[in-house]
Amino acid sequence: MLHLVVYDITDDANRTKLAKLLERFGLERVQYSAFRGELNPNDRDVLAKRVDKFIKDENDCIFIIPLCKRCLETAVVVSVKGVELIKKSKVEFY
């Protein structure tokens, strides 16, 4: 299932380490503090346990949000550079 992970981490070093962890889970950065990607239920649970160590300040938080099909169909993304929640595969004809 597609997930959106957004975070607010006050410490620069922790924020960088968290981003690297999310990339290792196969997630792709869509904003400075937002990643998206496919996570099965087991990987989501493992990730949720591993990100806990990045919460060091009372203002730190991490959201791991599953996106159902209806959520994706009704989502609105406003962006100059054309960020999409779902990567659309393009078919090329030769």
C-alpha atoms as a PDB file:
ATOM      1  CA  MET A   1       0.000   0.000   0.000  1.00  0.00           C
ATOM      2  CA  LEU A   2       1.226   3.485  -0.801  1.00  0.00           C
ATOM      3  CA  HIS A   3       2.263   5.519   2.248  1.00  0.00           C
ATOM      4  CA  LEU A   4       3.134   9.124   2.866  1.00  0.00           C
ATOM      5  CA  VAL A   5       5.701   9.808   5.588  1.00  0.00           C
ATOM      6  CA  VAL A   6       5.998  13.390   6.797  1.00  0.00           C
ATOM      7  CA  TYR A   7       8.085  14.609   9.679  1.00  0.00           C
ATOM      8  CA  ASP A   8       9.244  17.579  11.679  1.00  0.00           C
ATOM      9  CA  ILE A   9      12.556  16.836  13.388  1.00  0.00           C
ATOM     10  CA  THR A  10      14.362  19.727  15.066  1.00  0.00           C
ATOM     11  CA  ASP A  11      17.894  18.292  15.082  1.00  0.00           C
ATOM     12  CA  ASP A  12      19.684  18.503  11.706  1.00  0.00           C
ATOM     13  CA  ALA A  13      21.713  15.318  12.201  1.00  0.00           C
ATOM     14  CA  ASN A  14      18.644  13.316  13.263  1.00  0.00           C
ATOM     15  CA  ARG A  15      16.661  14.685  10.329  1.00  0.00           C
ATOM     16  CA  THR A  16      19.383  13.603   7.882  1.00  0.00           C
ATOM     17  CA  LYS A  17      19.605  10.122   9.425  1.00  0.00           C
ATOM     18  CA  LEU A  18      15.831   9.743   9.268  1.00  0.00           C
ATOM     19  CA  ALA A  19      15.793  10.702   5.578  1.00  0.00           C
ATOM     20  CA  LYS A  20      18.475   8.097   4.848  1.00  0.00           C
ATOM     21  CA  LEU A  21      16.482   5.450   6.726  1.00  0.00           C
ATOM     22  CA  LEU A  22      13.356   6.261   4.717  1.00  0.00           C
ATOM     23  CA  GLU A  23      15.354   5.935   1.498  1.00  0.00           C
ATOM     24  CA  ARG A  24      16.645   2.521   2.633  1.00  0.00           C
ATOM     25  CA  PHE A  25      13.002   1.467   3.008  1.00  0.00           C
ATOM     26  CA  GLY A  26      12.539   2.353  -0.657  1.00  0.00           C
ATOM     27  CA  LEU A  27      10.657   5.586  -0.088  1.00  0.00           C
ATOM     28  CA  GLU A  28      11.129   8.557  -2.396  1.00  0.00           C
ATOM     29  CA  ARG A  29      11.430  12.168  -1.285  1.00  0.00           C
ATOM     30  CA  VAL A  30       8.593  14.372  -2.568  1.00  0.00           C
ATOM     31  CA  GLN A  31       9.253  17.382  -0.325  1.00  0.00           C
ATOM     32  CA  TYR A  32      12.052  18.290   2.058  1.00  0.00           C
ATOM     33  CA  SER A  33      10.304  16.542   4.958  1.00  0.00           C
ATOM     34  CA  ALA A  34       7.987  14.196   3.062  1.00  0.00           C
ATOM     35  CA  PHE A  35       8.516  10.798   1.460  1.00  0.00           C
ATOM     36  CA  ARG A  36       6.171   8.445  -0.378  1.00  0.00           C
ATOM     37  CA  GLY A  37       6.353   4.814  -1.334  1.00  0.00           C
ATOM     38  CA  GLU A  38       4.994   1.321  -1.063  1.00  0.00           C
ATOM     39  CA  LEU A  39       5.130  -0.338   2.351  1.00  0.00           C
ATOM     40  CA  ASN A  40       3.577  -3.658   3.256  1.00  0.00           C
ATOM     41  CA  PRO A  41       2.061  -3.925   6.764  1.00  0.00           C
ATOM     42  CA  ASN A  42       5.163  -5.637   8.186  1.00  0.00           C
ATOM     43  CA  ASP A  43       7.585  -3.045   6.789  1.00  0.00           C
ATOM     44  CA  ARG A  44       5.323  -0.236   8.039  1.00  0.00           C
ATOM     45  CA  ASP A  45       5.395  -1.716  11.562  1.00  0.00           C
ATOM     46  CA  VAL A  46       9.178  -2.181  11.451  1.00  0.00           C
ATOM     47  CA  LEU A  47       9.622   1.386  10.201  1.00  0.00           C
ATOM     48  CA  ALA A  48       7.345   2.756  12.927  1.00  0.00           C
ATOM     49  CA  LYS A  49       9.492   1.084  15.583  1.00  0.00           C
ATOM     50  CA  ARG A  50      12.759   2.274  14.029  1.00  0.00           C
ATOM     51  CA  VAL A  51      11.768   5.935  13.640  1.00  0.00           C
ATOM     52  CA  ASP A  52      10.945   6.231  17.340  1.00  0.00           C
ATOM     53  CA  LYS A  53      14.631   6.856  18.107  1.00  0.00           C
ATOM     54  CA  PHE A  54      14.546  10.091  16.068  1.00  0.00           C
ATOM     55  CA  ILE A  55      12.072  11.723  18.442  1.00  0.00           C
ATOM     56  CA  LYS A  56      14.325  13.693  20.774  1.00  0.00           C
ATOM     57  CA  ASP A  57      12.459  16.982  21.308  1.00  0.00           C
ATOM     58  CA  GLU A  58       8.894  17.696  22.388  1.00  0.00           C
ATOM     59  CA  ASN A  59       8.290  19.314  18.982  1.00  0.00           C
ATOM     60  CA  ASP A  60       9.521  16.304  16.964  1.00  0.00           C
ATOM     61  CA  CYS A  61       6.901  14.183  15.200  1.00  0.00           C
ATOM     62  CA  ILE A  62       6.684  11.634  12.404  1.00  0.00           C
ATOM     63  CA  PHE A  63       3.515  10.647  10.532  1.00  0.00           C
ATOM     64  CA  ILE A  64       3.317   7.365   8.603  1.00  0.00           C
ATOM     65  CA  ILE A  65       0.083   7.665   6.655  1.00  0.00           C
ATOM     66  CA  PRO A  66      -1.386   4.872   4.521  1.00  0.00           C
ATOM     67  CA  LEU A  67      -3.117   6.172   1.404  1.00  0.00           C
ATOM     68  CA  CYS A  68      -6.107   4.157   0.258  1.00  0.00           C
ATOM     69  CA  LYS A  69      -7.259   4.159  -3.347  1.00  0.00           C
ATOM     70  CA  ARG A  70     -10.046   6.662  -2.648  1.00  0.00           C
ATOM     71  CA  CYS A  71      -7.613   8.971  -0.841  1.00  0.00           C
ATOM     72  CA  LEU A  72      -5.320   8.940  -3.854  1.00  0.00           C
ATOM     73  CA  GLU A  73      -8.164   9.532  -6.298  1.00  0.00           C
ATOM     74  CA  THR A  74      -9.414  12.571  -4.386  1.00  0.00           C
ATOM     75  CA  ALA A  75      -6.067  14.016  -3.290  1.00  0.00           C
ATOM     76  CA  VAL A  76      -5.145  17.474  -4.519  1.00  0.00           C
ATOM     77  CA  VAL A  77      -1.499  18.404  -5.035  1.00  0.00           C
ATOM     78  CA  VAL A  78      -0.677  22.028  -5.724  1.00  0.00           C
ATOM     79  CA  SER A  79       2.829  22.392  -7.111  1.00  0.00           C
ATOM     80  CA  VAL A  80       4.714  24.375  -9.705  1.00  0.00           C
ATOM     81  CA  LYS A  81       6.994  21.455 -10.553  1.00  0.00           C
ATOM     82  CA  GLY A  82       4.237  18.863 -10.914  1.00  0.00           C
ATOM     83  CA  VAL A  83       4.705  16.556  -7.913  1.00  0.00           C
ATOM     84  CA  GLU A  84       2.395  13.525  -8.027  1.00  0.00           C
ATOM     85  CA  LEU A  85       1.363  11.203  -5.230  1.00  0.00           C
ATOM     86  CA  ILE A  86       1.157   8.304  -7.662  1.00  0.00           C
ATOM     87  CA  LYS A  87       3.865   7.727 -10.212  1.00  0.00           C
ATOM     88  CA  LYS A  88       2.091   7.263 -13.497  1.00  0.00           C
ATOM     89  CA  SER A  89       3.789   4.948 -15.903  1.00  0.00           C
ATOM     90  CA  LYS A  90       3.993   6.270 -19.420  1.00  0.00           C
ATOM     91  CA  VAL A  91       3.701   4.066 -22.455  1.00  0.00           C
ATOM     92  CA  GLU A  92       5.785   5.134 -25.400  1.00  0.00           C
ATOM     93  CA  PHE A  93       4.907   4.154 -28.927  1.00  0.00           C
ATOM     94  CA  TYR A  94       7.640   3.886 -31.535  1.00  0.00           C
END
